Amino acid sequence: MKMNDFIFILTFFFSVKASNMTLLDTITEHIANTMSIQVSSFALTQLHTPIAYIDINKKKLKMFPGSPKVQLIRLLEDLCGAASNKS
């Protein structure tokens, strides 16, 4: 990773921590501001993170062994929140 990439990631991380926005909201806003793409108009069907894999079409959730429990709980909370906000 280049130093500029690392600085961008750190800046992005601290921006998320300083705001009341979720990481997904911050990424969505960043994409909208930099590329004029409204991510909210797309349907999320797959999500692959270092701690879990989700495929909505196949109705599959896999939590990877050894993942920190706090992060898994946060992921599940975020998924429940997203499901309850779905129109």
PDB file of N, CA and C in Angstrom:
ATOM      1  N   MET A   1       0.840  -1.164   0.000  1.00  0.00           N
ATOM      2  CA  MET A   1       0.000   0.000   0.000  1.00  0.00           C
ATOM      3  C   MET A   1       0.895   1.240   0.000  1.00  0.00           C
ATOM      4  N   LYS A   2       0.549   2.203  -0.828  1.00  0.00           N
ATOM      5  CA  LYS A   2       1.305   3.447  -0.898  1.00  0.00           C
ATOM      6  C   LYS A   2       0.957   4.323   0.296  1.00  0.00           C
ATOM      7  N   MET A   3       1.856   5.231   0.637  1.00  0.00           N
ATOM      8  CA  MET A   3       1.653   6.115   1.778  1.00  0.00           C
ATOM      9  C   MET A   3       0.407   6.986   1.595  1.00  0.00           C
ATOM     10  N   ASN A   4       0.142   7.477   0.375  1.00  0.00           N
ATOM     11  CA  ASN A   4      -1.043   8.297   0.130  1.00  0.00           C
ATOM     12  C   ASN A   4      -2.320   7.499   0.378  1.00  0.00           C
ATOM     13  N   ASP A   5      -2.328   6.225  -0.008  1.00  0.00           N
ATOM     14  CA  ASP A   5      -3.490   5.363   0.235  1.00  0.00           C
ATOM     15  C   ASP A   5      -3.711   5.187   1.737  1.00  0.00           C
ATOM     16  N   PHE A   6      -2.627   4.976   2.448  1.00  0.00           N
ATOM     17  CA  PHE A   6      -2.708   4.790   3.894  1.00  0.00           C
ATOM     18  C   PHE A   6      -3.253   6.049   4.566  1.00  0.00           C
ATOM     19  N   ILE A   7      -2.779   7.207   4.152  1.00  0.00           N
ATOM     20  CA  ILE A   7      -3.252   8.474   4.723  1.00  0.00           C
ATOM     21  C   ILE A   7      -4.728   8.674   4.407  1.00  0.00           C
ATOM     22  N   PHE A   8      -5.150   8.327   3.177  1.00  0.00           N
ATOM     23  CA  PHE A   8      -6.559   8.441   2.806  1.00  0.00           C
ATOM     24  C   PHE A   8      -7.421   7.547   3.687  1.00  0.00           C
ATOM     25  N   ILE A   9      -6.974   6.311   3.900  1.00  0.00           N
ATOM     26  CA  ILE A   9      -7.731   5.371   4.731  1.00  0.00           C
ATOM     27  C   ILE A   9      -7.820   5.872   6.167  1.00  0.00           C
ATOM     28  N   LEU A  10      -6.720   6.375   6.704  1.00  0.00           N
ATOM     29  CA  LEU A  10      -6.741   6.912   8.068  1.00  0.00           C
ATOM     30  C   LEU A  10      -7.679   8.112   8.174  1.00  0.00           C
ATOM     31  N   THR A  11      -7.605   9.006   7.204  1.00  0.00           N
ATOM     32  CA  THR A  11      -8.484  10.179   7.198  1.00  0.00           C
ATOM     33  C   THR A  11      -9.944   9.745   7.140  1.00  0.00           C
ATOM     34  N   PHE A  12     -10.234   8.780   6.275  1.00  0.00           N
ATOM     35  CA  PHE A  12     -11.586   8.248   6.126  1.00  0.00           C
ATOM     36  C   PHE A  12     -12.047   7.632   7.445  1.00  0.00           C
ATOM     37  N   PHE A  13     -11.190   6.841   8.064  1.00  0.00           N
ATOM     38  CA  PHE A  13     -11.514   6.176   9.321  1.00  0.00           C
ATOM     39  C   PHE A  13     -11.844   7.193  10.412  1.00  0.00           C
ATOM     40  N   PHE A  14     -11.000   8.219  10.559  1.00  0.00           N
ATOM     41  CA  PHE A  14     -11.234   9.211  11.608  1.00  0.00           C
ATOM     42  C   PHE A  14     -12.460  10.070  11.310  1.00  0.00           C
ATOM     43  N   SER A  15     -12.779  10.267  10.048  1.00  0.00           N
ATOM     44  CA  SER A  15     -14.007  10.987   9.689  1.00  0.00           C
ATOM     45  C   SER A  15     -15.237  10.203  10.140  1.00  0.00           C
ATOM     46  N   VAL A  16     -15.200   8.893   9.931  1.00  0.00           N
ATOM     47  CA  VAL A  16     -16.317   8.047  10.357  1.00  0.00           C
ATOM     48  C   VAL A  16     -16.439   8.081  11.875  1.00  0.00           C
ATOM     49  N   LYS A  17     -15.314   7.948  12.572  1.00  0.00           N
ATOM     50  CA  LYS A  17     -15.338   7.931  14.037  1.00  0.00           C
ATOM     51  C   LYS A  17     -15.853   9.251  14.607  1.00  0.00           C
ATOM     52  N   ALA A  18     -15.553  10.378  13.937  1.00  0.00           N
ATOM     53  CA  ALA A  18     -15.927  11.698  14.445  1.00  0.00           C
ATOM     54  C   ALA A  18     -17.387  12.045  14.156  1.00  0.00           C
ATOM     55  N   SER A  19     -17.997  11.342  13.229  1.00  0.00           N
ATOM     56  CA  SER A  19     -19.383  11.658  12.860  1.00  0.00           C
ATOM     57  C   SER A  19     -20.340  10.666  13.503  1.00  0.00           C
ATOM     58  N   ASN A  20     -21.608  10.936  13.339  1.00  0.00           N
ATOM     59  CA  ASN A  20     -22.637  10.008  13.812  1.00  0.00           C
ATOM     60  C   ASN A  20     -23.079   9.077  12.693  1.00  0.00           C
ATOM     61  N   MET A  21     -22.358   9.101  11.582  1.00  0.00           N
ATOM     62  CA  MET A  21     -22.719   8.285  10.424  1.00  0.00           C
ATOM     63  C   MET A  21     -22.108   6.896  10.554  1.00  0.00           C
ATOM     64  N   THR A  22     -22.764   5.921   9.925  1.00  0.00           N
ATOM     65  CA  THR A  22     -22.203   4.583   9.874  1.00  0.00           C
ATOM     66  C   THR A  22     -21.148   4.539   8.765  1.00  0.00           C
ATOM     67  N   LEU A  23     -20.365   3.493   8.743  1.00  0.00           N
ATOM     68  CA  LEU A  23     -19.358   3.340   7.700  1.00  0.00           C
ATOM     69  C   LEU A  23     -20.019   3.291   6.327  1.00  0.00           C
ATOM     70  N   LEU A  24     -21.128   2.553   6.224  1.00  0.00           N
ATOM     71  CA  LEU A  24     -21.824   2.454   4.944  1.00  0.00           C
ATOM     72  C   LEU A  24     -22.340   3.813   4.490  1.00  0.00           C
ATOM     73  N   ASP A  25     -22.888   4.607   5.416  1.00  0.00           N
ATOM     74  CA  ASP A  25     -23.357   5.954   5.068  1.00  0.00           C
ATOM     75  C   ASP A  25     -22.205   6.824   4.578  1.00  0.00           C
ATOM     76  N   THR A  26     -21.067   6.709   5.226  1.00  0.00           N
ATOM     77  CA  THR A  26     -19.908   7.506   4.846  1.00  0.00           C
ATOM     78  C   THR A  26     -19.394   7.109   3.469  1.00  0.00           C
ATOM     79  N   ILE A  27     -19.339   5.815   3.193  1.00  0.00           N
ATOM     80  CA  ILE A  27     -18.902   5.348   1.868  1.00  0.00           C
ATOM     81  C   ILE A  27     -19.888   5.797   0.798  1.00  0.00           C
ATOM     82  N   THR A  28     -21.189   5.670   1.091  1.00  0.00           N
ATOM     83  CA  THR A  28     -22.224   6.093   0.145  1.00  0.00           C
ATOM     84  C   THR A  28     -22.086   7.570  -0.175  1.00  0.00           C
ATOM     85  N   GLU A  29     -21.887   8.381   0.851  1.00  0.00           N
ATOM     86  CA  GLU A  29     -21.721   9.827   0.646  1.00  0.00           C
ATOM     87  C   GLU A  29     -20.461  10.130  -0.164  1.00  0.00           C
ATOM     88  N   HIS A  30     -19.377   9.433   0.143  1.00  0.00           N
ATOM     89  CA  HIS A  30     -18.118   9.643  -0.580  1.00  0.00           C
ATOM     90  C   HIS A  30     -18.286   9.323  -2.072  1.00  0.00           C
ATOM     91  N   ILE A  31     -18.925   8.212  -2.373  1.00  0.00           N
ATOM     92  CA  ILE A  31     -19.139   7.828  -3.774  1.00  0.00           C
ATOM     93  C   ILE A  31     -20.037   8.845  -4.478  1.00  0.00           C
ATOM     94  N   ALA A  32     -21.078   9.300  -3.786  1.00  0.00           N
ATOM     95  CA  ALA A  32     -21.984  10.294  -4.375  1.00  0.00           C
ATOM     96  C   ALA A  32     -21.247  11.600  -4.652  1.00  0.00           C
ATOM     97  N   ASN A  33     -20.384  12.016  -3.732  1.00  0.00           N
ATOM     98  CA  ASN A  33     -19.660  13.281  -3.898  1.00  0.00           C
ATOM     99  C   ASN A  33     -18.551  13.209  -4.931  1.00  0.00           C
ATOM    100  N   THR A  34     -17.901  12.072  -5.046  1.00  0.00           N
ATOM    101  CA  THR A  34     -16.752  11.985  -5.956  1.00  0.00           C
ATOM    102  C   THR A  34     -17.109  11.483  -7.345  1.00  0.00           C
ATOM    103  N   MET A  35     -18.169  10.652  -7.456  1.00  0.00           N
ATOM    104  CA  MET A  35     -18.495  10.059  -8.758  1.00  0.00           C
ATOM    105  C   MET A  35     -19.925  10.322  -9.217  1.00  0.00           C
ATOM    106  N   SER A  36     -20.682  11.058  -8.416  1.00  0.00           N
ATOM    107  CA  SER A  36     -22.083  11.364  -8.745  1.00  0.00           C
ATOM    108  C   SER A  36     -22.909  10.098  -8.988  1.00  0.00           C
ATOM    109  N   ILE A  37     -22.650   9.077  -8.205  1.00  0.00           N
ATOM    110  CA  ILE A  37     -23.409   7.826  -8.286  1.00  0.00           C
ATOM    111  C   ILE A  37     -24.211   7.690  -7.000  1.00  0.00           C
ATOM    112  N   GLN A  38     -25.506   7.492  -7.125  1.00  0.00           N
ATOM    113  CA  GLN A  38     -26.366   7.293  -5.958  1.00  0.00           C
ATOM    114  C   GLN A  38     -26.413   5.798  -5.629  1.00  0.00           C
ATOM    115  N   VAL A  39     -25.557   5.394  -4.729  1.00  0.00           N
ATOM    116  CA  VAL A  39     -25.430   3.987  -4.363  1.00  0.00           C
ATOM    117  C   VAL A  39     -26.744   3.443  -3.781  1.00  0.00           C
ATOM    118  N   SER A  40     -27.511   4.295  -3.148  1.00  0.00           N
ATOM    119  CA  SER A  40     -28.753   3.842  -2.521  1.00  0.00           C
ATOM    120  C   SER A  40     -29.767   3.333  -3.542  1.00  0.00           C
ATOM    121  N   SER A  41     -29.557   3.653  -4.816  1.00  0.00           N
ATOM    122  CA  SER A  41     -30.485   3.167  -5.844  1.00  0.00           C
ATOM    123  C   SER A  41     -30.155   1.741  -6.288  1.00  0.00           C
ATOM    124  N   PHE A  42     -29.022   1.211  -5.840  1.00  0.00           N
ATOM    125  CA  PHE A  42     -28.629  -0.154  -6.172  1.00  0.00           C
ATOM    126  C   PHE A  42     -29.081  -1.121  -5.079  1.00  0.00           C
ATOM    127  N   ALA A  43     -29.306  -2.346  -5.450  1.00  0.00           N
ATOM    128  CA  ALA A  43     -29.654  -3.385  -4.477  1.00  0.00           C
ATOM    129  C   ALA A  43     -28.388  -4.124  -4.061  1.00  0.00           C
ATOM    130  N   LEU A  44     -28.160  -4.204  -2.766  1.00  0.00           N
ATOM    131  CA  LEU A  44     -27.015  -4.940  -2.240  1.00  0.00           C
ATOM    132  C   LEU A  44     -27.394  -6.411  -2.154  1.00  0.00           C
ATOM    133  N   THR A  45     -26.685  -7.259  -2.874  1.00  0.00           N
ATOM    134  CA  THR A  45     -27.008  -8.687  -2.870  1.00  0.00           C
ATOM    135  C   THR A  45     -25.922  -9.538  -2.237  1.00  0.00           C
ATOM    136  N   GLN A  46     -24.688  -9.023  -2.169  1.00  0.00           N
ATOM    137  CA  GLN A  46     -23.599  -9.770  -1.545  1.00  0.00           C
ATOM    138  C   GLN A  46     -22.731  -8.815  -0.742  1.00  0.00           C
ATOM    139  N   LEU A  47     -22.201  -9.343   0.341  1.00  0.00           N
ATOM    140  CA  LEU A  47     -21.280  -8.585   1.176  1.00  0.00           C
ATOM    141  C   LEU A  47     -20.229  -9.558   1.683  1.00  0.00           C
ATOM    142  N   HIS A  48     -18.980  -9.238   1.429  1.00  0.00           N
ATOM    143  CA  HIS A  48     -17.881 -10.090   1.881  1.00  0.00           C
ATOM    144  C   HIS A  48     -16.927  -9.224   2.686  1.00  0.00           C
ATOM    145  N   THR A  49     -16.791  -9.543   3.957  1.00  0.00           N
ATOM    146  CA  THR A  49     -15.881  -8.823   4.833  1.00  0.00           C
ATOM    147  C   THR A  49     -14.898  -9.831   5.431  1.00  0.00           C
ATOM    148  N   PRO A  50     -13.875  -9.363   6.129  1.00  0.00           N
ATOM    149  CA  PRO A  50     -12.942 -10.306   6.762  1.00  0.00           C
ATOM    150  C   PRO A  50     -13.585 -11.168   7.850  1.00  0.00           C
ATOM    151  N   ILE A  51     -14.775 -10.773   8.336  1.00  0.00           N
ATOM    152  CA  ILE A  51     -15.399 -11.538   9.421  1.00  0.00           C
ATOM    153  C   ILE A  51     -16.621 -12.338   8.986  1.00  0.00           C
ATOM    154  N   ALA A  52     -17.214 -11.994   7.825  1.00  0.00           N
ATOM    155  CA  ALA A  52     -18.430 -12.697   7.416  1.00  0.00           C
ATOM    156  C   ALA A  52     -18.677 -12.543   5.921  1.00  0.00           C
ATOM    157  N   TYR A  53     -19.466 -13.489   5.391  1.00  0.00           N
ATOM    158  CA  TYR A  53     -19.902 -13.449   3.994  1.00  0.00           C
ATOM    159  C   TYR A  53     -21.420 -13.569   3.982  1.00  0.00           C
ATOM    160  N   ILE A  54     -22.066 -12.680   3.235  1.00  0.00           N
ATOM    161  CA  ILE A  54     -23.527 -12.686   3.145  1.00  0.00           C
ATOM    162  C   ILE A  54     -23.915 -12.691   1.679  1.00  0.00           C
ATOM    163  N   ASP A  55     -24.811 -13.606   1.307  1.00  0.00           N
ATOM    164  CA  ASP A  55     -25.378 -13.647  -0.034  1.00  0.00           C
ATOM    165  C   ASP A  55     -26.896 -13.662   0.118  1.00  0.00           C
ATOM    166  N   ILE A  56     -27.522 -12.547  -0.206  1.00  0.00           N
ATOM    167  CA  ILE A  56     -28.962 -12.407  -0.006  1.00  0.00           C
ATOM    168  C   ILE A  56     -29.742 -13.320  -0.940  1.00  0.00           C
ATOM    169  N   ASN A  57     -29.304 -13.454  -2.194  1.00  0.00           N
ATOM    170  CA  ASN A  57     -30.019 -14.305  -3.149  1.00  0.00           C
ATOM    171  C   ASN A  57     -30.042 -15.763  -2.712  1.00  0.00           C
ATOM    172  N   LYS A  58     -28.933 -16.238  -2.163  1.00  0.00           N
ATOM    173  CA  LYS A  58     -28.848 -17.634  -1.710  1.00  0.00           C
ATOM    174  C   LYS A  58     -29.288 -17.798  -0.249  1.00  0.00           C
ATOM    175  N   LYS A  59     -29.645 -16.667   0.402  1.00  0.00           N
ATOM    176  CA  LYS A  59     -30.042 -16.664   1.815  1.00  0.00           C
ATOM    177  C   LYS A  59     -28.979 -17.340   2.671  1.00  0.00           C
ATOM    178  N   LYS A  60     -27.744 -16.850   2.506  1.00  0.00           N
ATOM    179  CA  LYS A  60     -26.602 -17.480   3.161  1.00  0.00           C
ATOM    180  C   LYS A  60     -25.828 -16.447   3.981  1.00  0.00           C
ATOM    181  N   LEU A  61     -25.534 -16.807   5.218  1.00  0.00           N
ATOM    182  CA  LEU A  61     -24.689 -15.994   6.087  1.00  0.00           C
ATOM    183  C   LEU A  61     -23.633 -16.916   6.667  1.00  0.00           C
ATOM    184  N   LYS A  62     -22.379 -16.592   6.425  1.00  0.00           N
ATOM    185  CA  LYS A  62     -21.288 -17.395   6.971  1.00  0.00           C
ATOM    186  C   LYS A  62     -20.401 -16.474   7.797  1.00  0.00           C
ATOM    187  N   MET A  63     -20.262 -16.818   9.075  1.00  0.00           N
ATOM    188  CA  MET A  63     -19.363 -16.082   9.952  1.00  0.00           C
ATOM    189  C   MET A  63     -18.075 -16.874  10.057  1.00  0.00           C
ATOM    190  N   PHE A  64     -16.962 -16.227   9.804  1.00  0.00           N
ATOM    191  CA  PHE A  64     -15.684 -16.923   9.750  1.00  0.00           C
ATOM    192  C   PHE A  64     -15.154 -17.227  11.152  1.00  0.00           C
ATOM    193  N   PRO A  65     -14.647 -18.442  11.340  1.00  0.00           N
ATOM    194  CA  PRO A  65     -14.099 -18.829  12.647  1.00  0.00           C
ATOM    195  C   PRO A  65     -12.950 -17.907  13.055  1.00  0.00           C
ATOM    196  N   GLY A  66     -12.884 -17.625  14.327  1.00  0.00           N
ATOM    197  CA  GLY A  66     -11.806 -16.796  14.843  1.00  0.00           C
ATOM    198  C   GLY A  66     -12.072 -15.306  14.739  1.00  0.00           C
ATOM    199  N   SER A  67     -13.231 -14.923  14.194  1.00  0.00           N
ATOM    200  CA  SER A  67     -13.563 -13.503  14.089  1.00  0.00           C
ATOM    201  C   SER A  67     -13.904 -12.969  15.482  1.00  0.00           C
ATOM    202  N   PRO A  68     -13.492 -11.727  15.758  1.00  0.00           N
ATOM    203  CA  PRO A  68     -13.808 -11.148  17.073  1.00  0.00           C
ATOM    204  C   PRO A  68     -15.323 -11.065  17.286  1.00  0.00           C
ATOM    205  N   LYS A  69     -15.776 -11.525  18.438  1.00  0.00           N
ATOM    206  CA  LYS A  69     -17.216 -11.560  18.728  1.00  0.00           C
ATOM    207  C   LYS A  69     -17.836 -10.167  18.697  1.00  0.00           C
ATOM    208  N   VAL A  70     -17.099  -9.174  19.165  1.00  0.00           N
ATOM    209  CA  VAL A  70     -17.627  -7.804  19.177  1.00  0.00           C
ATOM    210  C   VAL A  70     -17.929  -7.339  17.756  1.00  0.00           C
ATOM    211  N   GLN A  71     -17.044  -7.655  16.816  1.00  0.00           N
ATOM    212  CA  GLN A  71     -17.262  -7.259  15.423  1.00  0.00           C
ATOM    213  C   GLN A  71     -18.433  -8.017  14.810  1.00  0.00           C
ATOM    214  N   LEU A  72     -18.580  -9.304  15.133  1.00  0.00           N
ATOM    215  CA  LEU A  72     -19.704 -10.081  14.618  1.00  0.00           C
ATOM    216  C   LEU A  72     -21.035  -9.539  15.157  1.00  0.00           C
ATOM    217  N   ILE A  73     -21.057  -9.190  16.427  1.00  0.00           N
ATOM    218  CA  ILE A  73     -22.278  -8.621  17.012  1.00  0.00           C
ATOM    219  C   ILE A  73     -22.611  -7.296  16.335  1.00  0.00           C
ATOM    220  N   ARG A  74     -21.605  -6.469  16.105  1.00  0.00           N
ATOM    221  CA  ARG A  74     -21.832  -5.178  15.434  1.00  0.00           C
ATOM    222  C   ARG A  74     -22.372  -5.399  14.017  1.00  0.00           C
ATOM    223  N   LEU A  75     -21.812  -6.363  13.310  1.00  0.00           N
ATOM    224  CA  LEU A  75     -22.283  -6.676  11.959  1.00  0.00           C
ATOM    225  C   LEU A  75     -23.750  -7.101  11.993  1.00  0.00           C
ATOM    226  N   LEU A  76     -24.098  -7.973  12.928  1.00  0.00           N
ATOM    227  CA  LEU A  76     -25.484  -8.429  13.044  1.00  0.00           C
ATOM    228  C   LEU A  76     -26.418  -7.274  13.412  1.00  0.00           C
ATOM    229  N   GLU A  77     -25.972  -6.394  14.300  1.00  0.00           N
ATOM    230  CA  GLU A  77     -26.777  -5.220  14.652  1.00  0.00           C
ATOM    231  C   GLU A  77     -27.007  -4.342  13.424  1.00  0.00           C
ATOM    232  N   ASP A  78     -25.954  -4.122  12.642  1.00  0.00           N
ATOM    233  CA  ASP A  78     -26.074  -3.296  11.429  1.00  0.00           C
ATOM    234  C   ASP A  78     -27.014  -3.935  10.426  1.00  0.00           C
ATOM    235  N   LEU A  79     -26.933  -5.262  10.278  1.00  0.00           N
ATOM    236  CA  LEU A  79     -27.827  -5.957   9.344  1.00  0.00           C
ATOM    237  C   LEU A  79     -29.284  -5.866   9.803  1.00  0.00           C
ATOM    238  N   CYS A  80     -29.504  -6.016  11.100  1.00  0.00           N
ATOM    239  CA  CYS A  80     -30.874  -5.890  11.634  1.00  0.00           C
ATOM    240  C   CYS A  80     -31.386  -4.474  11.442  1.00  0.00           C
ATOM    241  N   GLY A  81     -30.519  -3.494  11.647  1.00  0.00           N
ATOM    242  CA  GLY A  81     -30.904  -2.103  11.449  1.00  0.00           C
ATOM    243  C   GLY A  81     -31.245  -1.826   9.989  1.00  0.00           C
ATOM    244  N   ALA A  82     -30.436  -2.371   9.085  1.00  0.00           N
ATOM    245  CA  ALA A  82     -30.696  -2.182   7.653  1.00  0.00           C
ATOM    246  C   ALA A  82     -31.999  -2.855   7.257  1.00  0.00           C
ATOM    247  N   ALA A  83     -32.268  -4.026   7.807  1.00  0.00           N
ATOM    248  CA  ALA A  83     -33.507  -4.749   7.482  1.00  0.00           C
ATOM    249  C   ALA A  83     -34.723  -3.998   8.002  1.00  0.00           C
ATOM    250  N   SER A  84     -34.613  -3.387   9.168  1.00  0.00           N
ATOM    251  CA  SER A  84     -35.768  -2.677   9.728  1.00  0.00           C
ATOM    252  C   SER A  84     -36.012  -1.340   9.031  1.00  0.00           C
ATOM    253  N   ASN A  85     -34.967  -0.780   8.393  1.00  0.00           N
ATOM    254  CA  ASN A  85     -35.107   0.482   7.656  1.00  0.00           C
ATOM    255  C   ASN A  85     -35.511   0.278   6.218  1.00  0.00           C
ATOM    256  N   LYS A  86     -35.566  -0.967   5.770  1.00  0.00           N
ATOM    257  CA  LYS A  86     -35.886  -1.273   4.376  1.00  0.00           C
ATOM    258  C   LYS A  86     -37.326  -0.878   4.079  1.00  0.00           C
ATOM    259  N   SER A  87     -37.519  -0.210   2.960  1.00  0.00           N
ATOM    260  CA  SER A  87     -38.860   0.249   2.589  1.00  0.00           C
ATOM    261  C   SER A  87     -39.671  -0.843   1.962  1.00  0.00           C
TER     262      SER A  87
END
